[in-house]
Amino acid sequence: EGCNHSCAFCIIPQLRGKLASRRIDAVLREAEKLVAAGTKELLVISQ
């Protein structure tokens, strides 16, 4: 979630705060679960 940049045209850090990364094992566990449930394409997103 969030972003550490201060781009002049953007207010995302004000809306969503500074960068807050999820634990790598939690991300991989979710990805594994999605693929097991039939996901054929994972779209990795963040700010």
All heavy atoms as atom14 arrays in JSON, in Angstrom:
{
  "sequence": "EGCNHSCAFCIIPQLRGKLASRRIDAVLREAEKLVAAGTKELLVISQ",
  "atom14_mask": [
    [1, 1, 1, 1, 1, 1, 1, 1, 1, 0, 0, 0, 0, 0],
    [1, 1, 1, 1, 0, 0, 0, 0, 0, 0, 0, 0, 0, 0],
    [1, 1, 1, 1, 1, 1, 0, 0, 0, 0, 0, 0, 0, 0],
    [1, 1, 1, 1, 1, 1, 1, 1, 0, 0, 0, 0, 0, 0],
    [1, 1, 1, 1, 1, 1, 1, 1, 1, 1, 0, 0, 0, 0],
    [1, 1, 1, 1, 1, 1, 0, 0, 0, 0, 0, 0, 0, 0],
    [1, 1, 1, 1, 1, 1, 0, 0, 0, 0, 0, 0, 0, 0],
    [1, 1, 1, 1, 1, 0, 0, 0, 0, 0, 0, 0, 0, 0],
    [1, 1, 1, 1, 1, 1, 1, 1, 1, 1, 1, 0, 0, 0],
    [1, 1, 1, 1, 1, 1, 0, 0, 0, 0, 0, 0, 0, 0],
    [1, 1, 1, 1, 1, 1, 1, 1, 0, 0, 0, 0, 0, 0],
    [1, 1, 1, 1, 1, 1, 1, 1, 0, 0, 0, 0, 0, 0],
    [1, 1, 1, 1, 1, 1, 1, 0, 0, 0, 0, 0, 0, 0],
    [1, 1, 1, 1, 1, 1, 1, 1, 1, 0, 0, 0, 0, 0],
    [1, 1, 1, 1, 1, 1, 1, 1, 0, 0, 0, 0, 0, 0],
    [1, 1, 1, 1, 1, 1, 1, 1, 1, 1, 1, 0, 0, 0],
    [1, 1, 1, 1, 0, 0, 0, 0, 0, 0, 0, 0, 0, 0],
    [1, 1, 1, 1, 1, 1, 1, 1, 1, 0, 0, 0, 0, 0],
    [1, 1, 1, 1, 1, 1, 1, 1, 0, 0, 0, 0, 0, 0],
    [1, 1, 1, 1, 1, 0, 0, 0, 0, 0, 0, 0, 0, 0],
    [1, 1, 1, 1, 1, 1, 0, 0, 0, 0, 0, 0, 0, 0],
    [1, 1, 1, 1, 1, 1, 1, 1, 1, 1, 1, 0, 0, 0],
    [1, 1, 1, 1, 1, 1, 1, 1, 1, 1, 1, 0, 0, 0],
    [1, 1, 1, 1, 1, 1, 1, 1, 0, 0, 0, 0, 0, 0],
    [1, 1, 1, 1, 1, 1, 1, 1, 0, 0, 0, 0, 0, 0],
    [1, 1, 1, 1, 1, 0, 0, 0, 0, 0, 0, 0, 0, 0],
    [1, 1, 1, 1, 1, 1, 1, 0, 0, 0, 0, 0, 0, 0],
    [1, 1, 1, 1, 1, 1, 1, 1, 0, 0, 0, 0, 0, 0],
    [1, 1, 1, 1, 1, 1, 1, 1, 1, 1, 1, 0, 0, 0],
    [1, 1, 1, 1, 1, 1, 1, 1, 1, 0, 0, 0, 0, 0],
    [1, 1, 1, 1, 1, 0, 0, 0, 0, 0, 0, 0, 0, 0],
    [1, 1, 1, 1, 1, 1, 1, 1, 1, 0, 0, 0, 0, 0],
    [1, 1, 1, 1, 1, 1, 1, 1, 1, 0, 0, 0, 0, 0],
    [1, 1, 1, 1, 1, 1, 1, 1, 0, 0, 0, 0, 0, 0],
    [1, 1, 1, 1, 1, 1, 1, 0, 0, 0, 0, 0, 0, 0],
    [1, 1, 1, 1, 1, 0, 0, 0, 0, 0, 0, 0, 0, 0],
    [1, 1, 1, 1, 1, 0, 0, 0, 0, 0, 0, 0, 0, 0],
    [1, 1, 1, 1, 0, 0, 0, 0, 0, 0, 0, 0, 0, 0],
    [1, 1, 1, 1, 1, 1, 1, 0, 0, 0, 0, 0, 0, 0],
    [1, 1, 1, 1, 1, 1, 1, 1, 1, 0, 0, 0, 0, 0],
    [1, 1, 1, 1, 1, 1, 1, 1, 1, 0, 0, 0, 0, 0],
    [1, 1, 1, 1, 1, 1, 1, 1, 0, 0, 0, 0, 0, 0],
    [1, 1, 1, 1, 1, 1, 1, 1, 0, 0, 0, 0, 0, 0],
    [1, 1, 1, 1, 1, 1, 1, 0, 0, 0, 0, 0, 0, 0],
    [1, 1, 1, 1, 1, 1, 1, 1, 0, 0, 0, 0, 0, 0],
    [1, 1, 1, 1, 1, 1, 0, 0, 0, 0, 0, 0, 0, 0],
    [1, 1, 1, 1, 1, 1, 1, 1, 1, 0, 0, 0, 0, 0]
  ],
  "atom14_positions": [
    [[0.86, -1.18, 0.0], [0.0, 0.0, 0.0], [0.9, 1.23, 0.0], [2.05, 1.17, 0.42], [-0.9, 0.04, 1.25], [-1.97, -1.02, 1.29], [-3.12, -0.74, 0.37], [-3.1, 0.3, -0.32], [-4.07, -1.56, 0.33], [0.0, 0.0, 0.0], [0.0, 0.0, 0.0], [0.0, 0.0, 0.0], [0.0, 0.0, 0.0], [0.0, 0.0, 0.0]],
    [[0.35, 2.36, -0.43], [1.04, 3.63, -0.28], [2.25, 3.82, -1.17], [2.6, 2.97, -1.99], [0.0, 0.0, 0.0], [0.0, 0.0, 0.0], [0.0, 0.0, 0.0], [0.0, 0.0, 0.0], [0.0, 0.0, 0.0], [0.0, 0.0, 0.0], [0.0, 0.0, 0.0], [0.0, 0.0, 0.0], [0.0, 0.0, 0.0], [0.0, 0.0, 0.0]],
    [[2.92, 4.95, -1.0], [4.02, 5.34, -1.87], [4.93, 6.33, -1.15], [4.45, 7.2, -0.4], [3.44, 5.97, -3.14], [4.65, 6.47, -4.37], [0.0, 0.0, 0.0], [0.0, 0.0, 0.0], [0.0, 0.0, 0.0], [0.0, 0.0, 0.0], [0.0, 0.0, 0.0], [0.0, 0.0, 0.0], [0.0, 0.0, 0.0], [0.0, 0.0, 0.0]],
    [[6.24, 6.21, -1.38], [7.21, 7.12, -0.75], [7.57, 8.32, -1.62], [8.34, 9.17, -1.19], [8.49, 6.35, -0.4], [8.32, 5.45, 0.8], [7.36, 5.58, 1.55], [9.24, 4.51, 0.99], [0.0, 0.0, 0.0], [0.0, 0.0, 0.0], [0.0, 0.0, 0.0], [0.0, 0.0, 0.0], [0.0, 0.0, 0.0], [0.0, 0.0, 0.0]],
    [[7.06, 8.36, -2.85], [7.41, 9.47, -3.74], [6.58, 10.71, -3.45], [5.54, 10.64, -2.78], [7.23, 9.04, -5.21], [8.03, 7.83, -5.57], [9.39, 7.75, -5.36], [7.66, 6.65, -6.12], [9.82, 6.58, -5.77], [8.79, 5.88, -6.23], [0.0, 0.0, 0.0], [0.0, 0.0, 0.0], [0.0, 0.0, 0.0], [0.0, 0.0, 0.0]],
    [[7.04, 11.81, -3.96], [6.33, 13.09, -3.79], [6.15, 13.77, -5.15], [6.52, 14.93, -5.33], [7.09, 14.0, -2.83], [7.25, 13.4, -1.57], [0.0, 0.0, 0.0], [0.0, 0.0, 0.0], [0.0, 0.0, 0.0], [0.0, 0.0, 0.0], [0.0, 0.0, 0.0], [0.0, 0.0, 0.0], [0.0, 0.0, 0.0], [0.0, 0.0, 0.0]],
    [[5.62, 13.04, -6.11], [5.43, 13.6, -7.45], [4.49, 14.8, -7.36], [3.48, 14.77, -6.66], [4.85, 12.54, -8.39], [5.93, 11.09, -8.56], [0.0, 0.0, 0.0], [0.0, 0.0, 0.0], [0.0, 0.0, 0.0], [0.0, 0.0, 0.0], [0.0, 0.0, 0.0], [0.0, 0.0, 0.0], [0.0, 0.0, 0.0], [0.0, 0.0, 0.0]],
    [[4.83, 15.84, -8.1], [4.13, 17.11, -7.95], [2.67, 17.05, -8.34], [1.86, 17.84, -7.85], [4.85, 18.19, -8.78], [0.0, 0.0, 0.0], [0.0, 0.0, 0.0], [0.0, 0.0, 0.0], [0.0, 0.0, 0.0], [0.0, 0.0, 0.0], [0.0, 0.0, 0.0], [0.0, 0.0, 0.0], [0.0, 0.0, 0.0], [0.0, 0.0, 0.0]],
    [[2.3, 16.12, -9.23], [0.92, 16.07, -9.73], [0.05, 15.09, -8.97], [-1.13, 14.92, -9.28], [0.91, 15.69, -11.22], [1.62, 14.41, -11.52], [1.02, 13.18, -11.33], [2.94, 14.42, -11.98], [1.68, 12.0, -11.59], [3.61, 13.24, -12.25], [2.97, 12.03, -12.05], [0.0, 0.0, 0.0], [0.0, 0.0, 0.0], [0.0, 0.0, 0.0]],
    [[0.59, 14.41, -7.95], [-0.07, 13.26, -7.35], [-0.35, 13.49, -5.86], [0.46, 14.09, -5.15], [0.82, 12.02, -7.54], [0.08, 10.49, -6.91], [0.0, 0.0, 0.0], [0.0, 0.0, 0.0], [0.0, 0.0, 0.0], [0.0, 0.0, 0.0], [0.0, 0.0, 0.0], [0.0, 0.0, 0.0], [0.0, 0.0, 0.0], [0.0, 0.0, 0.0]],
    [[-1.5, 12.98, -5.37], [-1.82, 13.06, -3.96], [-2.0, 11.67, -3.34], [-2.55, 11.53, -2.25], [-3.1, 13.89, -3.74], [-4.29, 13.29, -4.5], [-2.88, 15.35, -4.13], [-5.63, 13.93, -4.15], [0.0, 0.0, 0.0], [0.0, 0.0, 0.0], [0.0, 0.0, 0.0], [0.0, 0.0, 0.0], [0.0, 0.0, 0.0], [0.0, 0.0, 0.0]],
    [[-1.52, 10.64, -4.05], [-1.66, 9.27, -3.54], [-1.06, 9.1, -2.13], [-1.68, 8.49, -1.27], [-1.04, 8.25, -4.52], [-1.9, 8.16, -5.8], [-0.91, 6.88, -3.88], [-3.29, 7.61, -5.58], [0.0, 0.0, 0.0], [0.0, 0.0, 0.0], [0.0, 0.0, 0.0], [0.0, 0.0, 0.0], [0.0, 0.0, 0.0], [0.0, 0.0, 0.0]],
    [[0.17, 9.64, -1.85], [0.68, 9.49, -0.48], [-0.24, 10.11, 0.57], [-0.32, 9.61, 1.7], [2.04, 10.2, -0.54], [2.45, 10.11, -1.98], [1.17, 10.26, -2.75], [0.0, 0.0, 0.0], [0.0, 0.0, 0.0], [0.0, 0.0, 0.0], [0.0, 0.0, 0.0], [0.0, 0.0, 0.0], [0.0, 0.0, 0.0], [0.0, 0.0, 0.0]],
    [[-0.93, 11.19, 0.21], [-1.86, 11.8, 1.14], [-3.1, 10.92, 1.34], [-3.67, 10.86, 2.44], [-2.29, 13.17, 0.63], [-1.15, 14.19, 0.57], [-1.41, 15.29, -0.43], [-0.72, 15.44, -1.42], [-2.44, 16.08, -0.17], [0.0, 0.0, 0.0], [0.0, 0.0, 0.0], [0.0, 0.0, 0.0], [0.0, 0.0, 0.0], [0.0, 0.0, 0.0]],
    [[-3.5, 10.22, 0.28], [-4.69, 9.38, 0.35], [-4.41, 8.02, 0.97], [-5.21, 7.51, 1.75], [-5.27, 9.18, -1.05], [-5.78, 10.42, -1.79], [-6.22, 10.06, -3.2], [-6.92, 11.07, -1.03], [0.0, 0.0, 0.0], [0.0, 0.0, 0.0], [0.0, 0.0, 0.0], [0.0, 0.0, 0.0], [0.0, 0.0, 0.0], [0.0, 0.0, 0.0]],
    [[-3.28, 7.43, 0.61], [-2.99, 6.04, 1.01], [-1.76, 5.88, 1.89], [-1.41, 4.77, 2.27], [-2.85, 5.16, -0.24], [-4.18, 4.97, -0.98], [-4.05, 4.05, -2.19], [-5.36, 3.71, -2.72], [-6.02, 2.58, -2.45], [-5.46, 1.68, -1.67], [-7.2, 2.35, -2.97], [0.0, 0.0, 0.0], [0.0, 0.0, 0.0], [0.0, 0.0, 0.0]],
    [[-1.09, 7.01, 2.19], [0.03, 6.93, 3.12], [1.34, 6.53, 2.46], [1.44, 6.36, 1.25], [0.0, 0.0, 0.0], [0.0, 0.0, 0.0], [0.0, 0.0, 0.0], [0.0, 0.0, 0.0], [0.0, 0.0, 0.0], [0.0, 0.0, 0.0], [0.0, 0.0, 0.0], [0.0, 0.0, 0.0], [0.0, 0.0, 0.0], [0.0, 0.0, 0.0]],
    [[2.35, 6.38, 3.29], [3.67, 5.95, 2.83], [3.66, 4.46, 2.49], [2.74, 3.72, 2.85], [4.72, 6.24, 3.91], [4.99, 7.72, 4.14], [5.68, 8.35, 2.93], [6.11, 9.77, 3.21], [6.79, 10.38, 2.04], [0.0, 0.0, 0.0], [0.0, 0.0, 0.0], [0.0, 0.0, 0.0], [0.0, 0.0, 0.0], [0.0, 0.0, 0.0]],
    [[4.73, 4.03, 1.82], [4.85, 2.63, 1.42], [4.72, 1.7, 2.63], [5.36, 1.89, 3.66], [6.2, 2.4, 0.75], [6.51, 0.96, 0.32], [5.63, 0.55, -0.85], [7.98, 0.82, -0.06], [0.0, 0.0, 0.0], [0.0, 0.0, 0.0], [0.0, 0.0, 0.0], [0.0, 0.0, 0.0], [0.0, 0.0, 0.0], [0.0, 0.0, 0.0]],
    [[3.86, 0.7, 2.49], [3.69, -0.34, 3.51], [3.61, -1.68, 2.8], [2.58, -2.05, 2.25], [2.43, -0.09, 4.34], [0.0, 0.0, 0.0], [0.0, 0.0, 0.0], [0.0, 0.0, 0.0], [0.0, 0.0, 0.0], [0.0, 0.0, 0.0], [0.0, 0.0, 0.0], [0.0, 0.0, 0.0], [0.0, 0.0, 0.0], [0.0, 0.0, 0.0]],
    [[4.74, -2.41, 2.77], [4.82, -3.66, 2.03], [4.23, -4.82, 2.83], [4.4, -4.91, 4.05], [6.29, -3.98, 1.7], [6.86, -2.97, 0.92], [0.0, 0.0, 0.0], [0.0, 0.0, 0.0], [0.0, 0.0, 0.0], [0.0, 0.0, 0.0], [0.0, 0.0, 0.0], [0.0, 0.0, 0.0], [0.0, 0.0, 0.0], [0.0, 0.0, 0.0]],
    [[3.55, -5.72, 2.12], [3.06, -6.94, 2.75], [4.21, -7.92, 2.94], [5.21, -7.88, 2.22], [1.99, -7.58, 1.87], [0.73, -6.77, 1.69], [-0.24, -7.48, 0.76], [-0.64, -8.79, 1.28], [-1.2, -9.75, 0.56], [-1.4, -9.57, -0.75], [-1.53, -10.9, 1.11], [0.0, 0.0, 0.0], [0.0, 0.0, 0.0], [0.0, 0.0, 0.0]],
    [[4.05, -8.82, 3.9], [5.06, -9.87, 4.1], [5.16, -10.73, 2.85], [4.15, -11.09, 2.24], [4.68, -10.73, 5.3], [4.91, -10.08, 6.64], [4.4, -10.93, 7.78], [4.75, -12.35, 7.69], [4.79, -13.17, 8.73], [4.49, -12.72, 9.95], [5.09, -14.44, 8.6], [0.0, 0.0, 0.0], [0.0, 0.0, 0.0], [0.0, 0.0, 0.0]],
    [[6.39, -11.08, 2.49], [6.6, -11.86, 1.27], [5.92, -13.23, 1.35], [5.34, -13.7, 0.36], [8.12, -12.03, 0.99], [8.37, -12.8, -0.32], [8.84, -12.69, 2.14], [8.08, -12.04, -1.56], [0.0, 0.0, 0.0], [0.0, 0.0, 0.0], [0.0, 0.0, 0.0], [0.0, 0.0, 0.0], [0.0, 0.0, 0.0], [0.0, 0.0, 0.0]],
    [[5.93, -13.86, 2.54], [5.3, -15.18, 2.63], [3.77, -15.07, 2.51], [3.13, -15.95, 1.94], [5.69, -15.9, 3.92], [5.49, -15.05, 5.17], [5.33, -13.82, 5.06], [5.49, -15.63, 6.28], [0.0, 0.0, 0.0], [0.0, 0.0, 0.0], [0.0, 0.0, 0.0], [0.0, 0.0, 0.0], [0.0, 0.0, 0.0], [0.0, 0.0, 0.0]],
    [[3.2, -13.95, 3.0], [1.75, -13.76, 2.86], [1.37, -13.55, 1.4], [0.35, -14.07, 0.92], [1.3, -12.58, 3.71], [0.0, 0.0, 0.0], [0.0, 0.0, 0.0], [0.0, 0.0, 0.0], [0.0, 0.0, 0.0], [0.0, 0.0, 0.0], [0.0, 0.0, 0.0], [0.0, 0.0, 0.0], [0.0, 0.0, 0.0], [0.0, 0.0, 0.0]],
    [[2.19, -12.78, 0.68], [1.93, -12.54, -0.74], [2.0, -13.86, -1.52], [1.13, -14.17, -2.34], [2.92, -11.52, -1.32], [2.75, -11.41, -2.84], [2.73, -10.15, -0.67], [0.0, 0.0, 0.0], [0.0, 0.0, 0.0], [0.0, 0.0, 0.0], [0.0, 0.0, 0.0], [0.0, 0.0, 0.0], [0.0, 0.0, 0.0], [0.0, 0.0, 0.0]],
    [[3.05, -14.63, -1.27], [3.23, -15.89, -2.0], [2.15, -16.9, -1.64], [1.68, -17.66, -2.51], [4.62, -16.46, -1.71], [5.79, -15.64, -2.27], [7.12, -16.19, -1.78], [5.75, -15.63, -3.81], [0.0, 0.0, 0.0], [0.0, 0.0, 0.0], [0.0, 0.0, 0.0], [0.0, 0.0, 0.0], [0.0, 0.0, 0.0], [0.0, 0.0, 0.0]],
    [[1.71, -16.89, -0.38], [0.64, -17.8, 0.02], [-0.66, -17.44, -0.71], [-1.39, -18.33, -1.17], [0.44, -17.71, 1.54], [-0.42, -18.85, 2.11], [-0.43, -18.8, 3.64], [0.9, -18.97, 4.18], [1.57, -18.03, 4.86], [1.03, -16.85, 5.05], [2.77, -18.27, 5.32], [0.0, 0.0, 0.0], [0.0, 0.0, 0.0], [0.0, 0.0, 0.0]],
    [[-0.94, -16.15, -0.82], [-2.14, -15.72, -1.54], [-2.04, -16.1, -3.02], [-3.02, -16.58, -3.62], [-2.34, -14.21, -1.41], [-3.58, -13.71, -2.15], [-3.76, -12.2, -2.09], [-3.01, -11.53, -1.36], [-4.66, -11.7, -2.79], [0.0, 0.0, 0.0], [0.0, 0.0, 0.0], [0.0, 0.0, 0.0], [0.0, 0.0, 0.0], [0.0, 0.0, 0.0]],
    [[-0.87, -15.89, -3.62], [-0.68, -16.22, -5.03], [-0.88, -17.72, -5.26], [-1.55, -18.14, -6.22], [0.7, -15.79, -5.5], [0.0, 0.0, 0.0], [0.0, 0.0, 0.0], [0.0, 0.0, 0.0], [0.0, 0.0, 0.0], [0.0, 0.0, 0.0], [0.0, 0.0, 0.0], [0.0, 0.0, 0.0], [0.0, 0.0, 0.0], [0.0, 0.0, 0.0]],
    [[-0.32, -18.53, -4.39], [-0.44, -19.98, -4.5], [-1.91, -20.4, -4.4], [-2.39, -21.26, -5.16], [0.38, -20.64, -3.4], [0.53, -22.13, -3.52], [1.46, -22.68, -2.45], [1.15, -22.5, -1.25], [2.49, -23.29, -2.8], [0.0, 0.0, 0.0], [0.0, 0.0, 0.0], [0.0, 0.0, 0.0], [0.0, 0.0, 0.0], [0.0, 0.0, 0.0]],
    [[-2.62, -19.77, -3.48], [-4.04, -20.08, -3.28], [-4.86, -19.69, -4.51], [-5.74, -20.44, -4.95], [-4.54, -19.31, -2.05], [-5.98, -19.53, -1.69], [-6.32, -18.73, -0.44], [-7.81, -18.83, -0.1], [-8.15, -18.0, 1.08], [0.0, 0.0, 0.0], [0.0, 0.0, 0.0], [0.0, 0.0, 0.0], [0.0, 0.0, 0.0], [0.0, 0.0, 0.0]],
    [[-4.56, -18.54, -5.1], [-5.28, -18.08, -6.28], [-5.07, -19.04, -7.46], [-6.01, -19.39, -8.17], [-4.84, -16.67, -6.66], [-5.33, -15.54, -5.75], [-4.58, -14.25, -6.06], [-6.83, -15.33, -5.91], [0.0, 0.0, 0.0], [0.0, 0.0, 0.0], [0.0, 0.0, 0.0], [0.0, 0.0, 0.0], [0.0, 0.0, 0.0], [0.0, 0.0, 0.0]],
    [[-3.81, -19.44, -7.67], [-3.5, -20.34, -8.77], [-4.17, -21.69, -8.57], [-4.71, -22.29, -9.5], [-1.97, -20.47, -8.94], [-1.64, -21.56, -9.96], [-1.37, -19.14, -9.38], [0.0, 0.0, 0.0], [0.0, 0.0, 0.0], [0.0, 0.0, 0.0], [0.0, 0.0, 0.0], [0.0, 0.0, 0.0], [0.0, 0.0, 0.0], [0.0, 0.0, 0.0]],
    [[-4.17, -22.17, -7.32], [-4.82, -23.45, -7.02], [-6.32, -23.37, -7.28], [-6.96, -24.37, -7.62], [-4.56, -23.85, -5.57], [0.0, 0.0, 0.0], [0.0, 0.0, 0.0], [0.0, 0.0, 0.0], [0.0, 0.0, 0.0], [0.0, 0.0, 0.0], [0.0, 0.0, 0.0], [0.0, 0.0, 0.0], [0.0, 0.0, 0.0], [0.0, 0.0, 0.0]],
    [[-6.9, -22.18, -7.15], [-8.35, -22.0, -7.35], [-8.71, -21.75, -8.81], [-9.88, -21.55, -9.13], [-8.85, -20.84, -6.49], [0.0, 0.0, 0.0], [0.0, 0.0, 0.0], [0.0, 0.0, 0.0], [0.0, 0.0, 0.0], [0.0, 0.0, 0.0], [0.0, 0.0, 0.0], [0.0, 0.0, 0.0], [0.0, 0.0, 0.0], [0.0, 0.0, 0.0]],
    [[-7.72, -21.74, -9.7], [-8.01, -21.62, -11.13], [-7.49, -20.38, -11.81], [-7.7, -20.19, -13.01], [0.0, 0.0, 0.0], [0.0, 0.0, 0.0], [0.0, 0.0, 0.0], [0.0, 0.0, 0.0], [0.0, 0.0, 0.0], [0.0, 0.0, 0.0], [0.0, 0.0, 0.0], [0.0, 0.0, 0.0], [0.0, 0.0, 0.0], [0.0, 0.0, 0.0]],
    [[-6.76, -19.52, -11.1], [-6.19, -18.33, -11.72], [-5.09, -18.73, -12.71], [-4.16, -19.45, -12.34], [-5.61, -17.38, -10.66], [-6.69, -16.82, -9.9], [-4.81, -16.26, -11.29], [0.0, 0.0, 0.0], [0.0, 0.0, 0.0], [0.0, 0.0, 0.0], [0.0, 0.0, 0.0], [0.0, 0.0, 0.0], [0.0, 0.0, 0.0], [0.0, 0.0, 0.0]],
    [[-5.19, -18.26, -13.94], [-4.18, -18.53, -14.95], [-3.26, -17.32, -15.19], [-2.24, -17.44, -15.86], [-4.86, -18.89, -16.29], [-5.8, -20.08, -16.22], [-5.05, -21.38, -16.06], [-6.0, -22.56, -16.13], [-6.6, -22.75, -17.48], [0.0, 0.0, 0.0], [0.0, 0.0, 0.0], [0.0, 0.0, 0.0], [0.0, 0.0, 0.0], [0.0, 0.0, 0.0]],
    [[-3.66, -16.16, -14.64], [-2.89, -14.93, -14.86], [-2.91, -14.1, -13.57], [-3.98, -13.74, -13.08], [-3.5, -14.15, -16.02], [-2.81, -12.83, -16.32], [-3.44, -12.1, -17.49], [-4.6, -12.41, -17.83], [-2.79, -11.21, -18.06], [0.0, 0.0, 0.0], [0.0, 0.0, 0.0], [0.0, 0.0, 0.0], [0.0, 0.0, 0.0], [0.0, 0.0, 0.0]],
    [[-1.72, -13.82, -13.05], [-1.58, -12.98, -11.86], [-1.09, -11.6, -12.28], [-0.09, -11.49, -12.99], [-0.58, -13.6, -10.88], [-1.02, -14.85, -10.12], [0.19, -15.49, -9.44], [-2.07, -14.5, -9.07], [0.0, 0.0, 0.0], [0.0, 0.0, 0.0], [0.0, 0.0, 0.0], [0.0, 0.0, 0.0], [0.0, 0.0, 0.0], [0.0, 0.0, 0.0]],
    [[-1.79, -10.57, -11.85], [-1.39, -9.2, -12.17], [-0.9, -8.54, -10.89], [-1.68, -8.25, -9.98], [-2.57, -8.42, -12.77], [-3.12, -9.02, -14.07], [-4.45, -9.73, -13.81], [-3.3, -7.98, -15.13], [0.0, 0.0, 0.0], [0.0, 0.0, 0.0], [0.0, 0.0, 0.0], [0.0, 0.0, 0.0], [0.0, 0.0, 0.0], [0.0, 0.0, 0.0]],
    [[0.43, -8.36, -10.8], [1.05, -7.81, -9.6], [0.87, -6.3, -9.6], [1.29, -5.61, -10.53], [2.54, -8.18, -9.54], [3.2, -7.59, -8.3], [2.71, -9.71, -9.56], [0.0, 0.0, 0.0], [0.0, 0.0, 0.0], [0.0, 0.0, 0.0], [0.0, 0.0, 0.0], [0.0, 0.0, 0.0], [0.0, 0.0, 0.0], [0.0, 0.0, 0.0]],
    [[0.24, -5.77, -8.53], [-0.04, -4.34, -8.48], [0.37, -3.73, -7.14], [0.48, -4.42, -6.12], [-1.54, -4.04, -8.73], [-2.41, -4.78, -7.7], [-1.94, -4.4, -10.14], [-3.86, -4.36, -7.72], [0.0, 0.0, 0.0], [0.0, 0.0, 0.0], [0.0, 0.0, 0.0], [0.0, 0.0, 0.0], [0.0, 0.0, 0.0], [0.0, 0.0, 0.0]],
    [[0.61, -2.43, -7.17], [0.96, -1.63, -6.0], [1.01, -0.19, -6.48], [0.66, 0.09, -7.63], [2.32, -2.06, -5.44], [3.33, -1.73, -6.37], [0.0, 0.0, 0.0], [0.0, 0.0, 0.0], [0.0, 0.0, 0.0], [0.0, 0.0, 0.0], [0.0, 0.0, 0.0], [0.0, 0.0, 0.0], [0.0, 0.0, 0.0], [0.0, 0.0, 0.0]],
    [[1.47, 0.74, -5.65], [1.75, 2.09, -6.14], [3.15, 2.16, -6.74], [3.42, 2.99, -7.6], [1.63, 3.11, -4.99], [0.26, 3.19, -4.36], [-0.82, 3.63, -5.31], [-0.56, 4.26, -6.34], [-2.06, 3.3, -5.0], [0.0, 0.0, 0.0], [0.0, 0.0, 0.0], [0.0, 0.0, 0.0], [0.0, 0.0, 0.0], [0.0, 0.0, 0.0]]
  ]
}
